[in-house]
PDB file of N, CA and C in Angstrom:
ATOM      1  N   MET A   1     -60.268 125.449 173.192  1.00  0.00           N
ATOM      2  CA  MET A   1     -58.890 125.346 172.767  1.00  0.00           C
ATOM      3  C   MET A   1     -58.735 126.099 171.447  1.00  0.00           C
ATOM      4  N   SER A   2     -57.646 126.815 171.327  1.00  0.00           N
ATOM      5  CA  SER A   2     -57.462 127.657 170.145  1.00  0.00           C
ATOM      6  C   SER A   2     -57.072 126.838 168.913  1.00  0.00           C
ATOM      7  N   LYS A   3     -57.244 127.472 167.761  1.00  0.00           N
ATOM      8  CA  LYS A   3     -56.893 126.818 166.499  1.00  0.00           C
ATOM      9  C   LYS A   3     -55.395 126.527 166.429  1.00  0.00           C
ATOM     10  N   LYS A   4     -54.588 127.403 167.013  1.00  0.00           N
ATOM     11  CA  LYS A   4     -53.137 127.198 166.992  1.00  0.00           C
ATOM     12  C   LYS A   4     -52.750 125.920 167.736  1.00  0.00           C
ATOM     13  N   ILE A   5     -53.398 125.690 168.861  1.00  0.00           N
ATOM     14  CA  ILE A   5     -53.089 124.486 169.634  1.00  0.00           C
ATOM     15  C   ILE A   5     -53.523 123.243 168.865  1.00  0.00           C
ATOM     16  N   TRP A   6     -54.724 123.270 168.294  1.00  0.00           N
ATOM     17  CA  TRP A   6     -55.196 122.132 167.486  1.00  0.00           C
ATOM     18  C   TRP A   6     -54.267 121.886 166.308  1.00  0.00           C
ATOM     19  N   PHE A   7     -53.839 122.956 165.655  1.00  0.00           N
ATOM     20  CA  PHE A   7     -52.941 122.832 164.508  1.00  0.00           C
ATOM     21  C   PHE A   7     -51.601 122.229 164.943  1.00  0.00           C
ATOM     22  N   GLY A   8     -51.054 122.719 166.035  1.00  0.00           N
ATOM     23  CA  GLY A   8     -49.790 122.188 166.555  1.00  0.00           C
ATOM     24  C   GLY A   8     -49.895 120.729 166.940  1.00  0.00           C
ATOM     25  N   LEU A   9     -51.010 120.368 167.580  1.00  0.00           N
ATOM     26  CA  LEU A   9     -51.225 118.971 167.957  1.00  0.00           C
ATOM     27  C   LEU A   9     -51.353 118.097 166.716  1.00  0.00           C
ATOM     28  N   ALA A  10     -52.082 118.575 165.721  1.00  0.00           N
ATOM     29  CA  ALA A  10     -52.258 117.805 164.482  1.00  0.00           C
ATOM     30  C   ALA A  10     -50.921 117.599 163.772  1.00  0.00           C
ATOM     31  N   ILE A  11     -50.112 118.643 163.699  1.00  0.00           N
ATOM     32  CA  ILE A  11     -48.789 118.527 163.069  1.00  0.00           C
ATOM     33  C   ILE A  11     -47.913 117.552 163.856  1.00  0.00           C
ATOM     34  N   SER A  12     -47.946 117.646 165.181  1.00  0.00           N
ATOM     35  CA  SER A  12     -47.152 116.743 166.020  1.00  0.00           C
ATOM     36  C   SER A  12     -47.563 115.290 165.816  1.00  0.00           C
ATOM     37  N   LEU A  13     -48.870 115.049 165.752  1.00  0.00           N
ATOM     38  CA  LEU A  13     -49.360 113.687 165.525  1.00  0.00           C
ATOM     39  C   LEU A  13     -48.950 113.179 164.149  1.00  0.00           C
ATOM     40  N   LEU A  14     -49.027 114.039 163.164  1.00  0.00           N
ATOM     41  CA  LEU A  14     -48.644 113.659 161.804  1.00  0.00           C
ATOM     42  C   LEU A  14     -47.154 113.318 161.733  1.00  0.00           C
ATOM     43  N   VAL A  15     -46.338 114.158 162.330  1.00  0.00           N
ATOM     44  CA  VAL A  15     -44.894 113.904 162.346  1.00  0.00           C
ATOM     45  C   VAL A  15     -44.595 112.599 163.084  1.00  0.00           C
ATOM     46  N   ALA A  16     -45.240 112.389 164.231  1.00  0.00           N
ATOM     47  CA  ALA A  16     -45.014 111.160 164.997  1.00  0.00           C
ATOM     48  C   ALA A  16     -45.410 109.930 164.190  1.00  0.00           C
ATOM     49  N   ALA A  17     -46.548 109.998 163.531  1.00  0.00           N
ATOM     50  CA  ALA A  17     -47.034 108.846 162.769  1.00  0.00           C
ATOM     51  C   ALA A  17     -46.162 108.565 161.551  1.00  0.00           C
ATOM     52  N   LEU A  18     -45.705 109.616 160.887  1.00  0.00           N
ATOM     53  CA  LEU A  18     -44.954 109.418 159.645  1.00  0.00           C
ATOM     54  C   LEU A  18     -43.461 109.169 159.862  1.00  0.00           C
ATOM     55  N   LEU A  19     -42.879 109.767 160.888  1.00  0.00           N
ATOM     56  CA  LEU A  19     -41.436 109.652 161.068  1.00  0.00           C
ATOM     57  C   LEU A  19     -41.006 108.590 162.077  1.00  0.00           C
ATOM     58  N   SER A  20     -41.875 108.206 163.000  1.00  0.00           N
ATOM     59  CA  SER A  20     -41.507 107.199 164.001  1.00  0.00           C
ATOM     60  C   SER A  20     -40.989 105.901 163.388  1.00  0.00           C
ATOM     61  N   PRO A  21     -41.616 105.398 162.330  1.00  0.00           N
ATOM     62  CA  PRO A  21     -41.113 104.140 161.754  1.00  0.00           C
ATOM     63  C   PRO A  21     -39.689 104.234 161.197  1.00  0.00           C
ATOM     64  N   PHE A  22     -39.192 105.441 160.987  1.00  0.00           N
ATOM     65  CA  PHE A  22     -37.856 105.607 160.422  1.00  0.00           C
ATOM     66  C   PHE A  22     -36.804 105.937 161.481  1.00  0.00           C
ATOM     67  N   ALA A  23     -37.166 105.814 162.752  1.00  0.00           N
ATOM     68  CA  ALA A  23     -36.209 106.066 163.831  1.00  0.00           C
ATOM     69  C   ALA A  23     -35.094 105.020 163.765  1.00  0.00           C
ATOM     70  N   SER A  24     -33.951 105.372 164.279  1.00  0.00           N
ATOM     71  CA  SER A  24     -32.798 104.479 164.230  1.00  0.00           C
ATOM     72  C   SER A  24     -33.069 103.194 165.010  1.00  0.00           C
ATOM     73  N   PRO A  25     -32.750 102.052 164.425  1.00  0.00           N
ATOM     74  CA  PRO A  25     -32.916 100.786 165.140  1.00  0.00           C
ATOM     75  C   PRO A  25     -31.770 100.530 166.116  1.00  0.00           C
ATOM     76  N   LEU A  26     -30.738 101.368 166.075  1.00  0.00           N
ATOM     77  CA  LEU A  26     -29.597 101.194 166.962  1.00  0.00           C
ATOM     78  C   LEU A  26     -29.973 101.601 168.384  1.00  0.00           C
ATOM     79  N   PRO A  27     -29.306 101.022 169.381  1.00  0.00           N
ATOM     80  CA  PRO A  27     -29.634 101.379 170.769  1.00  0.00           C
ATOM     81  C   PRO A  27     -29.263 102.824 171.076  1.00  0.00           C
ATOM     82  N   ASP A  28     -30.000 103.416 172.034  1.00  0.00           N
ATOM     83  CA  ASP A  28     -29.669 104.778 172.449  1.00  0.00           C
ATOM     84  C   ASP A  28     -28.394 104.746 173.294  1.00  0.00           C
ATOM     85  N   GLY A  29     -27.958 105.908 173.739  1.00  0.00           N
ATOM     86  CA  GLY A  29     -26.690 106.005 174.453  1.00  0.00           C
ATOM     87  C   GLY A  29     -26.602 105.148 175.695  1.00  0.00           C
ATOM     88  N   LEU A  30     -27.620 105.202 176.543  1.00  0.00           N
ATOM     89  CA  LEU A  30     -27.590 104.440 177.788  1.00  0.00           C
ATOM     90  C   LEU A  30     -27.605 102.938 177.515  1.00  0.00           C
ATOM     91  N   GLU A  31     -28.427 102.516 176.574  1.00  0.00           N
ATOM     92  CA  GLU A  31     -28.490 101.093 176.237  1.00  0.00           C
ATOM     93  C   GLU A  31     -27.164 100.629 175.628  1.00  0.00           C
ATOM     94  N   ARG A  32     -26.542 101.476 174.838  1.00  0.00           N
ATOM     95  CA  ARG A  32     -25.255 101.126 174.220  1.00  0.00           C
ATOM     96  C   ARG A  32     -24.174 100.945 175.284  1.00  0.00           C
ATOM     97  N   VAL A  33     -24.135 101.831 176.267  1.00  0.00           N
ATOM     98  CA  VAL A  33     -23.161 101.703 177.352  1.00  0.00           C
ATOM     99  C   VAL A  33     -23.410 100.408 178.121  1.00  0.00           C
ATOM    100  N   ALA A  34     -24.681 100.097 178.369  1.00  0.00           N
ATOM    101  CA  ALA A  34     -25.020  98.859 179.073  1.00  0.00           C
ATOM    102  C   ALA A  34     -24.560  97.638 178.280  1.00  0.00           C
ATOM    103  N   GLU A  35     -24.699  97.679 176.964  1.00  0.00           N
ATOM    104  CA  GLU A  35     -24.221  96.578 176.122  1.00  0.00           C
ATOM    105  C   GLU A  35     -22.697  96.502 176.143  1.00  0.00           C
ATOM    106  N   ASP A  36     -22.038  97.647 175.996  1.00  0.00           N
ATOM    107  CA  ASP A  36     -20.575  97.676 175.943  1.00  0.00           C
ATOM    108  C   ASP A  36     -19.936  97.171 177.230  1.00  0.00           C
ATOM    109  N   HIS A  37     -20.573  97.427 178.368  1.00  0.00           N
ATOM    110  CA  HIS A  37     -20.014  97.020 179.658  1.00  0.00           C
ATOM    111  C   HIS A  37     -20.645  95.736 180.187  1.00  0.00           C
ATOM    112  N   SER A  38     -21.392  95.063 179.340  1.00  0.00           N
ATOM    113  CA  SER A  38     -21.952  93.727 179.611  1.00  0.00           C
ATOM    114  C   SER A  38     -22.864  93.652 180.826  1.00  0.00           C
ATOM    115  N   PHE A  39     -23.493  94.747 181.212  1.00  0.00           N
ATOM    116  CA  PHE A  39     -24.453  94.623 182.300  1.00  0.00           C
ATOM    117  C   PHE A  39     -25.894  94.649 181.814  1.00  0.00           C
ATOM    118  N   LEU A  40     -26.095  94.773 180.514  1.00  0.00           N
ATOM    119  CA  LEU A  40     -27.450  94.691 179.970  1.00  0.00           C
ATOM    120  C   LEU A  40     -27.988  93.268 180.101  1.00  0.00           C
ATOM    121  N   GLN A  41     -27.128  92.277 179.862  1.00  0.00           N
ATOM    122  CA  GLN A  41     -27.551  90.885 179.963  1.00  0.00           C
ATOM    123  C   GLN A  41     -27.933  90.519 181.398  1.00  0.00           C
ATOM    124  N   ILE A  42     -27.258  91.103 182.352  1.00  0.00           N
ATOM    125  CA  ILE A  42     -27.563  90.836 183.760  1.00  0.00           C
ATOM    126  C   ILE A  42     -28.953  91.363 184.110  1.00  0.00           C
ATOM    127  N   ALA A  43     -29.321  92.487 183.524  1.00  0.00           N
ATOM    128  CA  ALA A  43     -30.605  93.128 183.833  1.00  0.00           C
ATOM    129  C   ALA A  43     -31.777  92.526 183.064  1.00  0.00           C
ATOM    130  N   GLU A  44     -31.516  91.726 182.029  1.00  0.00           N
ATOM    131  CA  GLU A  44     -32.605  91.136 181.243  1.00  0.00           C
ATOM    132  C   GLU A  44     -33.547  90.357 182.157  1.00  0.00           C
ATOM    133  N   GLY A  45     -34.828  90.637 182.034  1.00  0.00           N
ATOM    134  CA  GLY A  45     -35.835  89.949 182.836  1.00  0.00           C
ATOM    135  C   GLY A  45     -35.968  90.478 184.251  1.00  0.00           C
ATOM    136  N   GLN A  46     -35.228  91.520 184.600  1.00  0.00           N
ATOM    137  CA  GLN A  46     -35.257  92.083 185.953  1.00  0.00           C
ATOM    138  C   GLN A  46     -35.952  93.438 185.995  1.00  0.00           C
ATOM    139  N   GLU A  47     -36.836  93.698 185.046  1.00  0.00           N
ATOM    140  CA  GLU A  47     -37.493  94.995 184.977  1.00  0.00           C
ATOM    141  C   GLU A  47     -38.288  95.268 186.253  1.00  0.00           C
ATOM    142  N   VAL A  48     -38.207  96.494 186.728  1.00  0.00           N
ATOM    143  CA  VAL A  48     -38.941  96.891 187.929  1.00  0.00           C
ATOM    144  C   VAL A  48     -40.426  97.012 187.609  1.00  0.00           C
ATOM    145  N   ILE A  49     -40.733  97.639 186.481  1.00  0.00           N
ATOM    146  CA  ILE A  49     -42.111  97.736 186.005  1.00  0.00           C
ATOM    147  C   ILE A  49     -42.128  97.345 184.534  1.00  0.00           C
ATOM    148  N   SER A  50     -43.268  96.888 184.075  1.00  0.00           N
ATOM    149  CA  SER A  50     -43.347  96.538 182.657  1.00  0.00           C
ATOM    150  C   SER A  50     -43.855  97.745 181.876  1.00  0.00           C
ATOM    151  N   SER A  51     -43.379  97.878 180.681  1.00  0.00           N
ATOM    152  CA  SER A  51     -43.742  99.015 179.839  1.00  0.00           C
ATOM    153  C   SER A  51     -45.022  98.720 179.071  1.00  0.00           C
ATOM    154  N   PRO A  52     -45.931  99.701 178.984  1.00  0.00           N
ATOM    155  CA  PRO A  52     -47.137  99.485 178.181  1.00  0.00           C
ATOM    156  C   PRO A  52     -46.822  99.443 176.686  1.00  0.00           C
ATOM    157  N   ILE A  53     -45.697 100.059 176.290  1.00  0.00           N
ATOM    158  CA  ILE A  53     -45.276 100.055 174.884  1.00  0.00           C
ATOM    159  C   ILE A  53     -43.794  99.665 174.848  1.00  0.00           C
ATOM    160  N   PRO A  54     -43.497  98.371 175.020  1.00  0.00           N
ATOM    161  CA  PRO A  54     -42.097  97.951 175.050  1.00  0.00           C
ATOM    162  C   PRO A  54     -41.411  98.125 173.702  1.00  0.00           C
ATOM    163  N   ASP A  55     -40.181  98.612 173.745  1.00  0.00           N
ATOM    164  CA  ASP A  55     -39.369  98.818 172.531  1.00  0.00           C
ATOM    165  C   ASP A  55     -40.070  99.678 171.489  1.00  0.00           C
ATOM    166  N   TYR A  56     -40.916 100.592 171.928  1.00  0.00           N
ATOM    167  CA  TYR A  56     -41.621 101.533 171.044  1.00  0.00           C
ATOM    168  C   TYR A  56     -42.475 100.821 170.003  1.00  0.00           C
ATOM    169  N   LEU A  57     -43.059  99.696 170.390  1.00  0.00           N
ATOM    170  CA  LEU A  57     -43.958  98.941 169.510  1.00  0.00           C
ATOM    171  C   LEU A  57     -45.249  98.656 170.262  1.00  0.00           C
ATOM    172  N   ILE A  58     -46.386  98.838 169.605  1.00  0.00           N
ATOM    173  CA  ILE A  58     -47.668  98.491 170.215  1.00  0.00           C
ATOM    174  C   ILE A  58     -47.773  96.968 170.214  1.00  0.00           C
ATOM    175  N   PRO A  59     -47.913  96.346 171.380  1.00  0.00           N
ATOM    176  CA  PRO A  59     -47.997  94.888 171.429  1.00  0.00           C
ATOM    177  C   PRO A  59     -49.200  94.360 170.640  1.00  0.00           C
ATOM    178  N   GLY A  60     -48.990  93.256 169.967  1.00  0.00           N
ATOM    179  CA  GLY A  60     -50.077  92.600 169.250  1.00  0.00           C
ATOM    180  C   GLY A  60     -50.190  92.972 167.787  1.00  0.00           C
ATOM    181  N   LEU A  61     -49.563  94.054 167.369  1.00  0.00           N
ATOM    182  CA  LEU A  61     -49.611  94.437 165.957  1.00  0.00           C
ATOM    183  C   LEU A  61     -48.473  93.739 165.214  1.00  0.00           C
ATOM    184  N   GLN A  62     -48.808  93.053 164.149  1.00  0.00           N
ATOM    185  CA  GLN A  62     -47.801  92.314 163.386  1.00  0.00           C
ATOM    186  C   GLN A  62     -46.960  93.228 162.502  1.00  0.00           C
ATOM    187  N   ASN A  63     -47.553  94.308 162.000  1.00  0.00           N
ATOM    188  CA  ASN A  63     -46.847  95.239 161.123  1.00  0.00           C
ATOM    189  C   ASN A  63     -45.993  96.171 161.987  1.00  0.00           C
ATOM    190  N   GLU A  64     -44.678  96.003 161.910  1.00  0.00           N
ATOM    191  CA  GLU A  64     -43.777  96.761 162.783  1.00  0.00           C
ATOM    192  C   GLU A  64     -43.825  98.263 162.512  1.00  0.00           C
ATOM    193  N   MET A  65     -43.944  98.656 161.248  1.00  0.00           N
ATOM    194  CA  MET A  65     -44.012 100.092 160.937  1.00  0.00           C
ATOM    195  C   MET A  65     -45.277 100.716 161.521  1.00  0.00           C
ATOM    196  N   LEU A  66     -46.400 100.023 161.413  1.00  0.00           N
ATOM    197  CA  LEU A  66     -47.655 100.514 161.978  1.00  0.00           C
ATOM    198  C   LEU A  66     -47.580 100.559 163.502  1.00  0.00           C
ATOM    199  N   ALA A  67     -46.998  99.521 164.104  1.00  0.00           N
ATOM    200  CA  ALA A  67     -46.871  99.475 165.563  1.00  0.00           C
ATOM    201  C   ALA A  67     -46.002 100.620 166.076  1.00  0.00           C
ATOM    202  N   THR A  68     -44.941 100.938 165.352  1.00  0.00           N
ATOM    203  CA  THR A  68     -44.063 102.041 165.740  1.00  0.00           C
ATOM    204  C   THR A  68     -44.747 103.389 165.542  1.00  0.00           C
ATOM    205  N   ALA A  69     -45.466 103.537 164.429  1.00  0.00           N
ATOM    206  CA  ALA A  69     -46.194 104.790 164.170  1.00  0.00           C
ATOM    207  C   ALA A  69     -47.240 105.033 165.252  1.00  0.00           C
ATOM    208  N   LEU A  70     -47.979 103.996 165.616  1.00  0.00           N
ATOM    209  CA  LEU A  70     -48.991 104.142 166.670  1.00  0.00           C
ATOM    210  C   LEU A  70     -48.350 104.448 168.020  1.00  0.00           C
ATOM    211  N   ALA A  71     -47.189 103.863 168.283  1.00  0.00           N
ATOM    212  CA  ALA A  71     -46.481 104.169 169.529  1.00  0.00           C
ATOM    213  C   ALA A  71     -46.091 105.647 169.566  1.00  0.00           C
ATOM    214  N   GLY A  72     -45.674 106.193 168.429  1.00  0.00           N
ATOM    215  CA  GLY A  72     -45.355 107.622 168.357  1.00  0.00           C
ATOM    216  C   GLY A  72     -46.570 108.490 168.617  1.00  0.00           C
ATOM    217  N   VAL A  73     -47.703 108.109 168.039  1.00  0.00           N
ATOM    218  CA  VAL A  73     -48.953 108.858 168.239  1.00  0.00           C
ATOM    219  C   VAL A  73     -49.378 108.789 169.705  1.00  0.00           C
ATOM    220  N   VAL A  74     -49.292 107.606 170.301  1.00  0.00           N
ATOM    221  CA  VAL A  74     -49.649 107.451 171.717  1.00  0.00           C
ATOM    222  C   VAL A  74     -48.723 108.307 172.583  1.00  0.00           C
ATOM    223  N   GLY A  75     -47.450 108.357 172.240  1.00  0.00           N
ATOM    224  CA  GLY A  75     -46.501 109.185 172.990  1.00  0.00           C
ATOM    225  C   GLY A  75     -46.841 110.661 172.923  1.00  0.00           C
ATOM    226  N   VAL A  76     -47.185 111.143 171.728  1.00  0.00           N
ATOM    227  CA  VAL A  76     -47.562 112.554 171.572  1.00  0.00           C
ATOM    228  C   VAL A  76     -48.828 112.850 172.372  1.00  0.00           C
ATOM    229  N   LEU A  77     -49.830 111.995 172.253  1.00  0.00           N
ATOM    230  CA  LEU A  77     -51.092 112.224 172.968  1.00  0.00           C
ATOM    231  C   LEU A  77     -50.899 112.163 174.481  1.00  0.00           C
ATOM    232  N   THR A  78     -50.091 111.221 174.949  1.00  0.00           N
ATOM    233  CA  THR A  78     -49.826 111.106 176.386  1.00  0.00           C
ATOM    234  C   THR A  78     -49.119 112.357 176.903  1.00  0.00           C
ATOM    235  N   THR A  79     -48.143 112.830 176.156  1.00  0.00           N
ATOM    236  CA  THR A  79     -47.433 114.053 176.540  1.00  0.00           C
ATOM    237  C   THR A  79     -48.375 115.247 176.550  1.00  0.00           C
ATOM    238  N   TYR A  80     -49.204 115.369 175.530  1.00  0.00           N
ATOM    239  CA  TYR A  80     -50.147 116.485 175.444  1.00  0.00           C
ATOM    240  C   TYR A  80     -51.123 116.470 176.624  1.00  0.00           C
ATOM    241  N   VAL A  81     -51.721 115.317 176.883  1.00  0.00           N
ATOM    242  CA  VAL A  81     -52.698 115.220 177.980  1.00  0.00           C
ATOM    243  C   VAL A  81     -52.016 115.499 179.320  1.00  0.00           C
ATOM    244  N   GLY A  82     -50.840 114.920 179.534  1.00  0.00           N
ATOM    245  CA  GLY A  82     -50.123 115.136 180.790  1.00  0.00           C
ATOM    246  C   GLY A  82     -49.763 116.596 181.017  1.00  0.00           C
ATOM    247  N   LEU A  83     -49.246 117.240 179.989  1.00  0.00           N
ATOM    248  CA  LEU A  83     -48.880 118.654 180.129  1.00  0.00           C
ATOM    249  C   LEU A  83     -50.103 119.552 180.274  1.00  0.00           C
ATOM    250  N   THR A  84     -51.191 119.220 179.588  1.00  0.00           N
ATOM    251  CA  THR A  84     -52.423 120.002 179.719  1.00  0.00           C
ATOM    252  C   THR A  84     -52.960 119.918 181.146  1.00  0.00           C
ATOM    253  N   LEU A  85     -52.986 118.710 181.701  1.00  0.00           N
ATOM    254  CA  LEU A  85     -53.460 118.544 183.081  1.00  0.00           C
ATOM    255  C   LEU A  85     -52.551 119.268 184.070  1.00  0.00           C
ATOM    256  N   LEU A  86     -51.244 119.172 183.869  1.00  0.00           N
ATOM    257  CA  LEU A  86     -50.302 119.861 184.746  1.00  0.00           C
ATOM    258  C   LEU A  86     -50.482 121.372 184.665  1.00  0.00           C
ATOM    259  N   LEU A  87     -50.639 121.886 183.463  1.00  0.00           N
ATOM    260  CA  LEU A  87     -50.841 123.322 183.281  1.00  0.00           C
ATOM    261  C   LEU A  87     -52.124 123.784 183.964  1.00  0.00           C
ATOM    262  N   LYS A  88     -53.205 123.027 183.809  1.00  0.00           N
ATOM    263  CA  LYS A  88     -54.467 123.397 184.464  1.00  0.00           C
ATOM    264  C   LYS A  88     -54.319 123.390 185.976  1.00  0.00           C
ATOM    265  N   LEU A  89     -53.607 122.412 186.498  1.00  0.00           N
ATOM    266  CA  LEU A  89     -53.386 122.331 187.937  1.00  0.00           C
ATOM    267  C   LEU A  89     -52.565 123.524 188.424  1.00  0.00           C
ATOM    268  N   LEU A  90     -51.516 123.864 187.703  1.00  0.00           N
ATOM    269  CA  LEU A  90     -50.668 124.983 188.108  1.00  0.00           C
ATOM    270  C   LEU A  90     -51.393 126.314 187.998  1.00  0.00           C
ATOM    271  N   VAL A  91     -52.185 126.494 186.953  1.00  0.00           N
ATOM    272  CA  VAL A  91     -52.946 127.736 186.795  1.00  0.00           C
ATOM    273  C   VAL A  91     -53.981 127.849 187.906  1.00  0.00           C
ATOM    274  N   LYS A  92     -54.635 126.741 188.234  1.00  0.00           N
ATOM    275  CA  LYS A  92     -55.641 126.745 189.301  1.00  0.00           C
ATOM    276  C   LYS A  92     -54.990 127.095 190.632  1.00  0.00           C
ATOM    277  N   GLN A  93     -53.820 126.515 190.922  1.00  0.00           N
ATOM    278  CA  GLN A  93     -53.122 126.814 192.168  1.00  0.00           C
ATOM    279  C   GLN A  93     -52.659 128.265 192.201  1.00  0.00           C
ATOM    280  N   GLY A  94     -52.229 128.792 191.078  1.00  0.00           N
ATOM    281  CA  GLY A  94     -51.783 130.183 191.011  1.00  0.00           C
ATOM    282  C   GLY A  94     -52.911 131.151 191.300  1.00  0.00           C
ATOM    283  N   LYS A  95     -54.110 130.838 190.849  1.00  0.00           N
ATOM    284  CA  LYS A  95     -55.261 131.716 191.076  1.00  0.00           C
ATOM    285  C   LYS A  95     -55.714 131.673 192.525  1.00  0.00           C
ATOM    286  N   THR A  96     -55.606 130.522 193.185  1.00  0.00           N
ATOM    287  CA  THR A  96     -56.075 130.412 194.564  1.00  0.00           C
ATOM    288  C   THR A  96     -55.065 130.956 195.559  1.00  0.00           C
ATOM    289  N   SER A  97     -53.790 131.050 195.188  1.00  0.00           N
ATOM    290  CA  SER A  97     -52.784 131.513 196.141  1.00  0.00           C
ATOM    291  C   SER A  97     -52.653 133.033 196.181  1.00  0.00           C
ATOM    292  N   THR A  98     -53.301 133.746 195.283  1.00  0.00           N
ATOM    293  CA  THR A  98     -53.182 135.210 195.292  1.00  0.00           C
ATOM    294  C   THR A  98     -54.314 135.866 196.018  1.00  0.00           C
TER     295      THR A  98
END
């Protein structure tokens, strides 16, 4: 892996760790609409799947800022690993189809 990729990943992790705790506590657009139209309460407890990081907090950590920062880091790493695997799969398929 090139130095540029490592540098970009390091910067992304740093930004996620430092800025995630300062994200807005207000609901996002979809959640706000659900609250405004009173169907959020109907859906409470009816989740189809459970989230490994509910409400962008690592479960079990008492310090909310740390839990949010770690959730940001986990999100960056998950995205990086997922995209890397997808790219490798697509490159491999491209080489075999020619």
